[in-house]
Amino acid sequence: MTARAEAEAAAARRVTVRNDPFHVSEPGLLVVDLTPADKETVQAAIDALGRRWATSGGGRARRVPGEPGVTARLYTDIRRPGSEGAAAPD
């Protein structure tokens, strides 16, 4: 596997979830940064999160020059169910 292919594979597996105090004001709210290899994977992840929890929906996927993959950010409220009516955690 080439170095670029390895970097893209790593980007496809990397999802960063952080609770950033600059973007959230109370427990249960998350800022989710996604970094997969392609836009289709970003959209699939956004759709899956939206089925489970209330989210802001898809942010614009963008490429960072010199970095493999694409990135997107969305905001999630894990206290509220998503489109499939999943139960909120206790």
Protein backbone atom coordinates (compact mmCIF):
# COMPACT_ATOMS: atom_id res chain seq x y z
CA MET A 1 0.00 0.00 0.00
CA THR A 2 1.38 3.43 -0.90
CA ALA A 3 1.83 6.15 1.70
CA ARG A 4 -1.06 8.12 0.19
CA ALA A 5 -3.33 5.06 0.24
CA GLU A 6 -2.40 4.44 3.88
CA ALA A 7 -3.16 8.07 4.75
CA GLU A 8 -6.53 7.90 2.98
CA ALA A 9 -7.38 4.65 4.77
CA ALA A 10 -6.51 6.27 8.10
CA ALA A 11 -8.68 9.30 7.23
CA ALA A 12 -11.56 6.99 6.38
CA ARG A 13 -11.39 5.48 9.87
CA ARG A 14 -10.94 8.71 11.82
CA VAL A 15 -13.93 10.40 13.41
CA THR A 16 -13.28 13.02 16.06
CA VAL A 17 -15.96 13.71 18.64
CA ARG A 18 -15.31 16.55 21.03
CA ASN A 19 -17.32 18.51 23.52
CA ASP A 20 -16.04 22.00 22.73
CA PRO A 21 -17.03 24.67 25.31
CA PHE A 22 -16.92 27.35 22.62
CA HIS A 23 -19.71 25.66 20.67
CA VAL A 24 -21.83 23.93 23.30
CA SER A 25 -23.54 25.41 26.29
CA GLU A 26 -24.84 22.39 28.22
CA PRO A 27 -24.38 18.63 28.75
CA GLY A 28 -25.68 16.40 25.96
CA LEU A 29 -24.60 18.67 23.12
CA LEU A 30 -21.69 17.62 20.89
CA VAL A 31 -19.63 19.11 18.11
CA VAL A 32 -18.80 16.27 15.70
CA ASP A 33 -15.95 16.63 13.22
CA LEU A 34 -15.93 13.94 10.52
CA THR A 35 -12.91 13.17 8.36
CA PRO A 36 -13.52 10.27 5.96
CA ALA A 37 -11.92 9.60 2.58
CA ASP A 38 -14.82 10.94 0.48
CA LYS A 39 -18.00 13.03 0.44
CA GLU A 40 -20.23 9.95 0.16
CA THR A 41 -18.89 8.63 3.47
CA VAL A 42 -19.42 12.02 5.12
CA GLN A 43 -23.05 12.00 4.00
CA ALA A 44 -23.57 8.40 5.14
CA ALA A 45 -22.19 9.25 8.60
CA ILE A 46 -24.33 12.40 8.85
CA ASP A 47 -27.42 10.41 7.85
CA ALA A 48 -26.65 7.65 10.39
CA LEU A 49 -26.14 10.15 13.23
CA GLY A 50 -29.36 11.94 12.23
CA ARG A 51 -31.32 8.71 12.50
CA ARG A 52 -30.06 8.17 16.05
CA TRP A 53 -30.00 11.71 17.49
CA ALA A 54 -31.14 15.23 16.68
CA THR A 55 -28.42 16.92 14.58
CA SER A 56 -27.84 20.13 12.68
CA GLY A 57 -27.78 18.12 9.46
CA GLY A 58 -24.97 18.03 6.99
CA GLY A 59 -22.39 20.71 6.96
CA ARG A 60 -20.55 21.38 3.75
CA ALA A 61 -17.88 18.73 3.14
CA ARG A 62 -14.55 20.36 2.34
CA ARG A 63 -11.03 19.31 1.44
CA VAL A 64 -8.06 20.70 3.33
CA PRO A 65 -5.11 21.28 0.98
CA GLY A 66 -2.35 18.77 1.65
CA GLU A 67 -4.54 16.57 3.86
CA PRO A 68 -6.17 13.30 2.76
CA GLY A 69 -9.93 12.96 2.87
CA VAL A 70 -12.69 15.51 3.38
CA THR A 71 -14.00 17.10 6.57
CA ALA A 72 -17.42 18.18 7.80
CA ARG A 73 -18.80 19.41 11.11
CA LEU A 74 -22.23 18.95 12.62
CA TYR A 75 -23.82 19.60 15.98
CA THR A 76 -25.62 16.82 17.82
CA ASP A 77 -28.03 16.76 20.76
CA ILE A 78 -27.84 13.24 22.23
CA ARG A 79 -30.77 13.99 24.55
CA ARG A 80 -33.22 14.18 21.62
CA PRO A 81 -34.11 11.29 19.31
CA GLY A 82 -33.37 11.49 15.61
CA SER A 83 -35.55 10.72 12.62
CA GLU A 84 -36.02 7.05 13.57
CA GLY A 85 -37.16 7.99 17.08
CA ALA A 86 -34.26 6.32 18.87
CA ALA A 87 -34.48 6.53 22.62
CA ALA A 88 -32.39 9.22 24.25
CA PRO A 89 -29.80 7.95 26.75
CA ASP A 90 -30.66 8.11 30.47
